[in-house]
Amino acid sequence: MHAILSELTEDEVKVTAVRKPGSTLTEESLCRWCLDRIPHFAVPRFIEFRENLPRNPIGRVLKFELRDEGVTAGTWDRAASEIVIRR
């Protein structure tokens, strides 16, 4: 997970993940799973599934690249869904 600066100057959480082969997990179902398990401020607003993550030669995820990309065309946005977070 990483944070993205929002229009309101607060951090918004984005999850970028790779699904296991054969998984039917959706962005919305992942977000709903988070609602009862983590604090409201940590529930991701943005979720993006990819085939793979950028890695360095020894296999570590290049988080700075993901942060620099921010929200992409393939990113799901909780604000555009029917999910409402209660504080």
PDB file of N, CA and C in Angstrom:
ATOM      1  N   MET A   1       0.840  -1.165   0.000  1.00  0.00           N
ATOM      2  CA  MET A   1       0.000   0.000   0.000  1.00  0.00           C
ATOM      3  C   MET A   1       0.888   1.231   0.000  1.00  0.00           C
ATOM      4  N   HIS A   2       0.386   2.262  -0.642  1.00  0.00           N
ATOM      5  CA  HIS A   2       1.088   3.531  -0.578  1.00  0.00           C
ATOM      6  C   HIS A   2       0.073   4.661  -0.623  1.00  0.00           C
ATOM      7  N   ALA A   3       0.494   5.836  -0.238  1.00  0.00           N
ATOM      8  CA  ALA A   3      -0.413   6.977  -0.136  1.00  0.00           C
ATOM      9  C   ALA A   3      -0.266   7.892  -1.340  1.00  0.00           C
ATOM     10  N   ILE A   4      -1.386   8.501  -1.707  1.00  0.00           N
ATOM     11  CA  ILE A   4      -1.438   9.450  -2.810  1.00  0.00           C
ATOM     12  C   ILE A   4      -2.037  10.730  -2.248  1.00  0.00           C
ATOM     13  N   LEU A   5      -1.480  11.870  -2.593  1.00  0.00           N
ATOM     14  CA  LEU A   5      -1.997  13.135  -2.115  1.00  0.00           C
ATOM     15  C   LEU A   5      -3.329  13.423  -2.794  1.00  0.00           C
ATOM     16  N   SER A   6      -4.351  13.714  -2.001  1.00  0.00           N
ATOM     17  CA  SER A   6      -5.680  13.983  -2.557  1.00  0.00           C
ATOM     18  C   SER A   6      -5.878  15.472  -2.788  1.00  0.00           C
ATOM     19  N   GLU A   7      -7.023  15.807  -3.366  1.00  0.00           N
ATOM     20  CA  GLU A   7      -7.376  17.200  -3.604  1.00  0.00           C
ATOM     21  C   GLU A   7      -7.489  17.955  -2.284  1.00  0.00           C
ATOM     22  N   LEU A   8      -7.791  17.226  -1.218  1.00  0.00           N
ATOM     23  CA  LEU A   8      -7.994  17.840   0.091  1.00  0.00           C
ATOM     24  C   LEU A   8      -6.714  17.879   0.910  1.00  0.00           C
ATOM     25  N   THR A   9      -5.595  17.568   0.302  1.00  0.00           N
ATOM     26  CA  THR A   9      -4.267  17.528   0.917  1.00  0.00           C
ATOM     27  C   THR A   9      -4.133  16.492   2.025  1.00  0.00           C
ATOM     28  N   GLU A  10      -4.984  15.490   2.023  1.00  0.00           N
ATOM     29  CA  GLU A  10      -4.836  14.348   2.925  1.00  0.00           C
ATOM     30  C   GLU A  10      -4.342  13.180   2.090  1.00  0.00           C
ATOM     31  N   ASP A  11      -3.699  12.231   2.735  1.00  0.00           N
ATOM     32  CA  ASP A  11      -3.227  11.060   2.007  1.00  0.00           C
ATOM     33  C   ASP A  11      -4.373  10.123   1.691  1.00  0.00           C
ATOM     34  N   GLU A  12      -4.379   9.572   0.500  1.00  0.00           N
ATOM     35  CA  GLU A  12      -5.324   8.551   0.068  1.00  0.00           C
ATOM     36  C   GLU A  12      -4.516   7.287  -0.161  1.00  0.00           C
ATOM     37  N   VAL A  13      -5.022   6.156   0.285  1.00  0.00           N
ATOM     38  CA  VAL A  13      -4.298   4.891   0.181  1.00  0.00           C
ATOM     39  C   VAL A  13      -4.624   4.212  -1.135  1.00  0.00           C
ATOM     40  N   LYS A  14      -3.568   3.726  -1.792  1.00  0.00           N
ATOM     41  CA  LYS A  14      -3.722   2.928  -3.011  1.00  0.00           C
ATOM     42  C   LYS A  14      -3.042   1.589  -2.793  1.00  0.00           C
ATOM     43  N   VAL A  15      -3.739   0.532  -3.187  1.00  0.00           N
ATOM     44  CA  VAL A  15      -3.171  -0.815  -3.154  1.00  0.00           C
ATOM     45  C   VAL A  15      -2.915  -1.236  -4.594  1.00  0.00           C
ATOM     46  N   THR A  16      -1.712  -1.680  -4.860  1.00  0.00           N
ATOM     47  CA  THR A  16      -1.375  -2.262  -6.159  1.00  0.00           C
ATOM     48  C   THR A  16      -0.948  -3.693  -5.873  1.00  0.00           C
ATOM     49  N   ALA A  17      -1.629  -4.651  -6.474  1.00  0.00           N
ATOM     50  CA  ALA A  17      -1.398  -6.053  -6.127  1.00  0.00           C
ATOM     51  C   ALA A  17      -1.479  -6.949  -7.354  1.00  0.00           C
ATOM     52  N   VAL A  18      -0.963  -8.141  -7.190  1.00  0.00           N
ATOM     53  CA  VAL A  18      -1.037  -9.176  -8.225  1.00  0.00           C
ATOM     54  C   VAL A  18      -1.929 -10.281  -7.680  1.00  0.00           C
ATOM     55  N   ARG A  19      -2.960 -10.630  -8.442  1.00  0.00           N
ATOM     56  CA  ARG A  19      -3.851 -11.724  -8.032  1.00  0.00           C
ATOM     57  C   ARG A  19      -3.185 -13.068  -8.294  1.00  0.00           C
ATOM     58  N   LYS A  20      -3.504 -14.036  -7.453  1.00  0.00           N
ATOM     59  CA  LYS A  20      -3.038 -15.400  -7.693  1.00  0.00           C
ATOM     60  C   LYS A  20      -3.734 -15.937  -8.931  1.00  0.00           C
ATOM     61  N   PRO A  21      -3.074 -16.825  -9.666  1.00  0.00           N
ATOM     62  CA  PRO A  21      -3.705 -17.400 -10.856  1.00  0.00           C
ATOM     63  C   PRO A  21      -5.046 -18.047 -10.502  1.00  0.00           C
ATOM     64  N   GLY A  22      -6.059 -17.753 -11.301  1.00  0.00           N
ATOM     65  CA  GLY A  22      -7.387 -18.320 -11.081  1.00  0.00           C
ATOM     66  C   GLY A  22      -8.232 -17.544 -10.079  1.00  0.00           C
ATOM     67  N   SER A  23      -7.671 -16.517  -9.466  1.00  0.00           N
ATOM     68  CA  SER A  23      -8.408 -15.730  -8.470  1.00  0.00           C
ATOM     69  C   SER A  23      -9.527 -14.946  -9.139  1.00  0.00           C
ATOM     70  N   THR A  24     -10.646 -14.840  -8.439  1.00  0.00           N
ATOM     71  CA  THR A  24     -11.775 -14.045  -8.929  1.00  0.00           C
ATOM     72  C   THR A  24     -11.970 -12.798  -8.061  1.00  0.00           C
ATOM     73  N   LEU A  25     -10.985 -12.475  -7.254  1.00  0.00           N
ATOM     74  CA  LEU A  25     -11.047 -11.312  -6.375  1.00  0.00           C
ATOM     75  C   LEU A  25     -11.238 -10.042  -7.194  1.00  0.00           C
ATOM     76  N   THR A  26     -12.188  -9.214  -6.774  1.00  0.00           N
ATOM     77  CA  THR A  26     -12.414  -7.929  -7.441  1.00  0.00           C
ATOM     78  C   THR A  26     -11.933  -6.803  -6.536  1.00  0.00           C
ATOM     79  N   GLU A  27     -11.781  -5.646  -7.120  1.00  0.00           N
ATOM     80  CA  GLU A  27     -11.367  -4.484  -6.357  1.00  0.00           C
ATOM     81  C   GLU A  27     -12.392  -4.169  -5.276  1.00  0.00           C
ATOM     82  N   GLU A  28     -13.669  -4.225  -5.635  1.00  0.00           N
ATOM     83  CA  GLU A  28     -14.725  -3.917  -4.667  1.00  0.00           C
ATOM     84  C   GLU A  28     -14.747  -4.929  -3.520  1.00  0.00           C
ATOM     85  N   SER A  29     -14.601  -6.203  -3.828  1.00  0.00           N
ATOM     86  CA  SER A  29     -14.623  -7.202  -2.757  1.00  0.00           C
ATOM     87  C   SER A  29     -13.412  -7.057  -1.835  1.00  0.00           C
ATOM     88  N   LEU A  30     -12.268  -6.690  -2.368  1.00  0.00           N
ATOM     89  CA  LEU A  30     -11.099  -6.451  -1.531  1.00  0.00           C
ATOM     90  C   LEU A  30     -11.344  -5.254  -0.616  1.00  0.00           C
ATOM     91  N   CYS A  31     -11.913  -4.197  -1.149  1.00  0.00           N
ATOM     92  CA  CYS A  31     -12.211  -3.013  -0.354  1.00  0.00           C
ATOM     93  C   CYS A  31     -13.211  -3.348   0.751  1.00  0.00           C
ATOM     94  N   ARG A  32     -14.263  -4.088   0.425  1.00  0.00           N
ATOM     95  CA  ARG A  32     -15.257  -4.474   1.435  1.00  0.00           C
ATOM     96  C   ARG A  32     -14.633  -5.357   2.510  1.00  0.00           C
ATOM     97  N   TRP A  33     -13.707  -6.226   2.129  1.00  0.00           N
ATOM     98  CA  TRP A  33     -13.019  -7.079   3.098  1.00  0.00           C
ATOM     99  C   TRP A  33     -12.253  -6.207   4.093  1.00  0.00           C
ATOM    100  N   CYS A  34     -11.658  -5.134   3.606  1.00  0.00           N
ATOM    101  CA  CYS A  34     -10.874  -4.231   4.455  1.00  0.00           C
ATOM    102  C   CYS A  34     -11.734  -3.486   5.476  1.00  0.00           C
ATOM    103  N   LEU A  35     -12.982  -3.195   5.143  1.00  0.00           N
ATOM    104  CA  LEU A  35     -13.834  -2.356   5.983  1.00  0.00           C
ATOM    105  C   LEU A  35     -13.925  -2.832   7.434  1.00  0.00           C
ATOM    106  N   ASP A  36     -14.044  -4.141   7.644  1.00  0.00           N
ATOM    107  CA  ASP A  36     -14.196  -4.672   8.999  1.00  0.00           C
ATOM    108  C   ASP A  36     -12.881  -5.079   9.636  1.00  0.00           C
ATOM    109  N   ARG A  37     -11.791  -4.917   8.915  1.00  0.00           N
ATOM    110  CA  ARG A  37     -10.525  -5.446   9.418  1.00  0.00           C
ATOM    111  C   ARG A  37      -9.446  -4.413   9.692  1.00  0.00           C
ATOM    112  N   ILE A  38      -9.572  -3.254   9.102  1.00  0.00           N
ATOM    113  CA  ILE A  38      -8.541  -2.232   9.314  1.00  0.00           C
ATOM    114  C   ILE A  38      -9.218  -0.894   9.631  1.00  0.00           C
ATOM    115  N   PRO A  39      -8.498   0.042  10.239  1.00  0.00           N
ATOM    116  CA  PRO A  39      -9.085   1.345  10.565  1.00  0.00           C
ATOM    117  C   PRO A  39      -9.574   2.074   9.307  1.00  0.00           C
ATOM    118  N   HIS A  40     -10.613   2.879   9.468  1.00  0.00           N
ATOM    119  CA  HIS A  40     -11.230   3.554   8.316  1.00  0.00           C
ATOM    120  C   HIS A  40     -10.222   4.357   7.495  1.00  0.00           C
ATOM    121  N   PHE A  41      -9.230   4.957   8.142  1.00  0.00           N
ATOM    122  CA  PHE A  41      -8.273   5.781   7.410  1.00  0.00           C
ATOM    123  C   PHE A  41      -7.285   4.953   6.589  1.00  0.00           C
ATOM    124  N   ALA A  42      -7.237   3.649   6.828  1.00  0.00           N
ATOM    125  CA  ALA A  42      -6.321   2.780   6.089  1.00  0.00           C
ATOM    126  C   ALA A  42      -7.023   2.001   4.971  1.00  0.00           C
ATOM    127  N   VAL A  43      -8.353   2.091   4.896  1.00  0.00           N
ATOM    128  CA  VAL A  43      -9.089   1.413   3.822  1.00  0.00           C
ATOM    129  C   VAL A  43      -8.717   2.094   2.513  1.00  0.00           C
ATOM    130  N   PRO A  44      -8.257   1.324   1.540  1.00  0.00           N
ATOM    131  CA  PRO A  44      -7.798   1.953   0.299  1.00  0.00           C
ATOM    132  C   PRO A  44      -8.908   2.638  -0.485  1.00  0.00           C
ATOM    133  N   ARG A  45      -8.601   3.811  -0.981  1.00  0.00           N
ATOM    134  CA  ARG A  45      -9.521   4.480  -1.903  1.00  0.00           C
ATOM    135  C   ARG A  45      -9.289   3.940  -3.308  1.00  0.00           C
ATOM    136  N   PHE A  46      -8.040   3.656  -3.629  1.00  0.00           N
ATOM    137  CA  PHE A  46      -7.673   3.200  -4.966  1.00  0.00           C
ATOM    138  C   PHE A  46      -7.127   1.779  -4.894  1.00  0.00           C
ATOM    139  N   ILE A  47      -7.527   0.940  -5.853  1.00  0.00           N
ATOM    140  CA  ILE A  47      -7.012  -0.429  -5.943  1.00  0.00           C
ATOM    141  C   ILE A  47      -6.714  -0.723  -7.404  1.00  0.00           C
ATOM    142  N   GLU A  48      -5.559  -1.320  -7.634  1.00  0.00           N
ATOM    143  CA  GLU A  48      -5.174  -1.688  -9.000  1.00  0.00           C
ATOM    144  C   GLU A  48      -4.541  -3.072  -8.982  1.00  0.00           C
ATOM    145  N   PHE A  49      -5.071  -3.965  -9.800  1.00  0.00           N
ATOM    146  CA  PHE A  49      -4.468  -5.279  -9.976  1.00  0.00           C
ATOM    147  C   PHE A  49      -3.621  -5.258 -11.238  1.00  0.00           C
ATOM    148  N   ARG A  50      -2.468  -5.912 -11.163  1.00  0.00           N
ATOM    149  CA  ARG A  50      -1.553  -5.992 -12.306  1.00  0.00           C
ATOM    150  C   ARG A  50      -1.098  -7.430 -12.508  1.00  0.00           C
ATOM    151  N   GLU A  51      -0.537  -7.668 -13.658  1.00  0.00           N
ATOM    152  CA  GLU A  51       0.033  -8.986 -13.947  1.00  0.00           C
ATOM    153  C   GLU A  51       1.305  -9.213 -13.155  1.00  0.00           C
ATOM    154  N   ASN A  52       2.065  -8.133 -12.946  1.00  0.00           N
ATOM    155  CA  ASN A  52       3.289  -8.211 -12.142  1.00  0.00           C
ATOM    156  C   ASN A  52       3.636  -6.823 -11.623  1.00  0.00           C
ATOM    157  N   LEU A  53       4.551  -6.784 -10.677  1.00  0.00           N
ATOM    158  CA  LEU A  53       4.993  -5.522 -10.085  1.00  0.00           C
ATOM    159  C   LEU A  53       6.409  -5.216 -10.557  1.00  0.00           C
ATOM    160  N   PRO A  54       6.758  -3.930 -10.664  1.00  0.00           N
ATOM    161  CA  PRO A  54       8.127  -3.602 -11.056  1.00  0.00           C
ATOM    162  C   PRO A  54       9.100  -4.045  -9.961  1.00  0.00           C
ATOM    163  N   ARG A  55      10.176  -4.702 -10.366  1.00  0.00           N
ATOM    164  CA  ARG A  55      11.147  -5.227  -9.396  1.00  0.00           C
ATOM    165  C   ARG A  55      12.564  -4.878  -9.821  1.00  0.00           C
ATOM    166  N   ASN A  56      13.443  -4.810  -8.830  1.00  0.00           N
ATOM    167  CA  ASN A  56      14.857  -4.583  -9.124  1.00  0.00           C
ATOM    168  C   ASN A  56      15.513  -5.933  -9.423  1.00  0.00           C
ATOM    169  N   PRO A  57      16.792  -5.946  -9.789  1.00  0.00           N
ATOM    170  CA  PRO A  57      17.457  -7.204 -10.158  1.00  0.00           C
ATOM    171  C   PRO A  57      17.463  -8.285  -9.066  1.00  0.00           C
ATOM    172  N   ILE A  58      17.338  -7.879  -7.790  1.00  0.00           N
ATOM    173  CA  ILE A  58      17.319  -8.921  -6.748  1.00  0.00           C
ATOM    174  C   ILE A  58      15.898  -9.293  -6.319  1.00  0.00           C
ATOM    175  N   GLY A  59      14.892  -8.717  -7.006  1.00  0.00           N
ATOM    176  CA  GLY A  59      13.514  -9.129  -6.786  1.00  0.00           C
ATOM    177  C   GLY A  59      12.675  -8.262  -5.864  1.00  0.00           C
ATOM    178  N   ARG A  60      13.215  -7.193  -5.348  1.00  0.00           N
ATOM    179  CA  ARG A  60      12.435  -6.321  -4.478  1.00  0.00           C
ATOM    180  C   ARG A  60      11.529  -5.409  -5.302  1.00  0.00           C
ATOM    181  N   VAL A  61      10.315  -5.192  -4.790  1.00  0.00           N
ATOM    182  CA  VAL A  61       9.357  -4.327  -5.485  1.00  0.00           C
ATOM    183  C   VAL A  61       9.871  -2.890  -5.474  1.00  0.00           C
ATOM    184  N   LEU A  62       9.793  -2.240  -6.623  1.00  0.00           N
ATOM    185  CA  LEU A  62      10.223  -0.852  -6.774  1.00  0.00           C
ATOM    186  C   LEU A  62       9.044   0.064  -6.419  1.00  0.00           C
ATOM    187  N   LYS A  63       8.859   0.265  -5.123  1.00  0.00           N
ATOM    188  CA  LYS A  63       7.719   1.038  -4.633  1.00  0.00           C
ATOM    189  C   LYS A  63       7.732   2.473  -5.152  1.00  0.00           C
ATOM    190  N   PHE A  64       8.904   3.052  -5.311  1.00  0.00           N
ATOM    191  CA  PHE A  64       8.971   4.427  -5.797  1.00  0.00           C
ATOM    192  C   PHE A  64       8.369   4.547  -7.190  1.00  0.00           C
ATOM    193  N   GLU A  65       8.510   3.520  -8.012  1.00  0.00           N
ATOM    194  CA  GLU A  65       7.901   3.559  -9.351  1.00  0.00           C
ATOM    195  C   GLU A  65       6.381   3.555  -9.249  1.00  0.00           C
ATOM    196  N   LEU A  66       5.857   2.740  -8.338  1.00  0.00           N
ATOM    197  CA  LEU A  66       4.408   2.696  -8.142  1.00  0.00           C
ATOM    198  C   LEU A  66       3.904   4.044  -7.623  1.00  0.00           C
ATOM    199  N   ARG A  67       4.628   4.640  -6.688  1.00  0.00           N
ATOM    200  CA  ARG A  67       4.236   5.954  -6.158  1.00  0.00           C
ATOM    201  C   ARG A  67       4.253   7.007  -7.264  1.00  0.00           C
ATOM    202  N   ASP A  68       5.294   6.971  -8.092  1.00  0.00           N
ATOM    203  CA  ASP A  68       5.414   7.959  -9.167  1.00  0.00           C
ATOM    204  C   ASP A  68       4.286   7.830 -10.195  1.00  0.00           C
ATOM    205  N   GLU A  69       3.821   6.593 -10.428  1.00  0.00           N
ATOM    206  CA  GLU A  69       2.724   6.383 -11.382  1.00  0.00           C
ATOM    207  C   GLU A  69       1.415   6.928 -10.847  1.00  0.00           C
ATOM    208  N   GLY A  70       1.211   6.842  -9.543  1.00  0.00           N
ATOM    209  CA  GLY A  70      -0.035   7.320  -8.943  1.00  0.00           C
ATOM    210  C   GLY A  70      -1.242   6.553  -9.471  1.00  0.00           C
ATOM    211  N   VAL A  71      -2.320   7.279  -9.675  1.00  0.00           N
ATOM    212  CA  VAL A  71      -3.553   6.680 -10.177  1.00  0.00           C
ATOM    213  C   VAL A  71      -3.449   6.573 -11.690  1.00  0.00           C
ATOM    214  N   THR A  72      -3.685   5.370 -12.202  1.00  0.00           N
ATOM    215  CA  THR A  72      -3.609   5.126 -13.648  1.00  0.00           C
ATOM    216  C   THR A  72      -5.004   4.874 -14.211  1.00  0.00           C
ATOM    217  N   ALA A  73      -5.081   4.685 -15.515  1.00  0.00           N
ATOM    218  CA  ALA A  73      -6.366   4.413 -16.157  1.00  0.00           C
ATOM    219  C   ALA A  73      -6.980   3.102 -15.654  1.00  0.00           C
ATOM    220  N   GLY A  74      -6.151   2.164 -15.190  1.00  0.00           N
ATOM    221  CA  GLY A  74      -6.649   0.880 -14.715  1.00  0.00           C
ATOM    222  C   GLY A  74      -6.941   0.837 -13.223  1.00  0.00           C
ATOM    223  N   THR A  75      -6.905   1.978 -12.564  1.00  0.00           N
ATOM    224  CA  THR A  75      -7.102   2.032 -11.118  1.00  0.00           C
ATOM    225  C   THR A  75      -8.578   2.185 -10.774  1.00  0.00           C
ATOM    226  N   TRP A  76      -9.044   1.318  -9.871  1.00  0.00           N
ATOM    227  CA  TRP A  76     -10.416   1.388  -9.351  1.00  0.00           C
ATOM    228  C   TRP A  76     -10.452   2.455  -8.269  1.00  0.00           C
ATOM    229  N   ASP A  77     -11.526   3.255  -8.228  1.00  0.00           N
ATOM    230  CA  ASP A  77     -11.660   4.341  -7.256  1.00  0.00           C
ATOM    231  C   ASP A  77     -12.891   4.108  -6.389  1.00  0.00           C
ATOM    232  N   ARG A  78     -12.680   3.936  -5.087  1.00  0.00           N
ATOM    233  CA  ARG A  78     -13.780   3.703  -4.161  1.00  0.00           C
ATOM    234  C   ARG A  78     -14.794   4.845  -4.203  1.00  0.00           C
ATOM    235  N   ALA A  79     -14.339   6.063  -4.455  1.00  0.00           N
ATOM    236  CA  ALA A  79     -15.237   7.217  -4.489  1.00  0.00           C
ATOM    237  C   ALA A  79     -16.272   7.097  -5.610  1.00  0.00           C
ATOM    238  N   ALA A  80     -15.987   6.314  -6.635  1.00  0.00           N
ATOM    239  CA  ALA A  80     -16.922   6.118  -7.747  1.00  0.00           C
ATOM    240  C   ALA A  80     -17.812   4.900  -7.522  1.00  0.00           C
ATOM    241  N   SER A  81     -17.653   4.224  -6.378  1.00  0.00           N
ATOM    242  CA  SER A  81     -18.454   3.040  -6.071  1.00  0.00           C
ATOM    243  C   SER A  81     -19.546   3.413  -5.070  1.00  0.00           C
ATOM    244  N   GLU A  82     -20.294   2.407  -4.637  1.00  0.00           N
ATOM    245  CA  GLU A  82     -21.349   2.618  -3.652  1.00  0.00           C
ATOM    246  C   GLU A  82     -20.860   2.371  -2.228  1.00  0.00           C
ATOM    247  N   ILE A  83     -19.580   2.146  -2.050  1.00  0.00           N
ATOM    248  CA  ILE A  83     -19.040   1.857  -0.729  1.00  0.00           C
ATOM    249  C   ILE A  83     -18.911   3.154   0.057  1.00  0.00           C
ATOM    250  N   VAL A  84     -19.455   3.128   1.285  1.00  0.00           N
ATOM    251  CA  VAL A  84     -19.402   4.288   2.167  1.00  0.00           C
ATOM    252  C   VAL A  84     -18.668   3.869   3.425  1.00  0.00           C
ATOM    253  N   ILE A  85     -17.698   4.661   3.830  1.00  0.00           N
ATOM    254  CA  ILE A  85     -16.939   4.354   5.039  1.00  0.00           C
ATOM    255  C   ILE A  85     -17.522   5.139   6.185  1.00  0.00           C
ATOM    256  N   ARG A  86     -17.833   4.424   7.257  1.00  0.00           N
ATOM    257  CA  ARG A  86     -18.345   5.062   8.466  1.00  0.00           C
ATOM    258  C   ARG A  86     -17.210   5.189   9.465  1.00  0.00           C
ATOM    259  N   ARG A  87     -17.023   6.359   9.979  1.00  0.00           N
ATOM    260  CA  ARG A  87     -15.933   6.622  10.925  1.00  0.00           C
ATOM    261  C   ARG A  87     -16.379   6.413  12.339  1.00  0.00           C
TER     262      ARG A  87
END
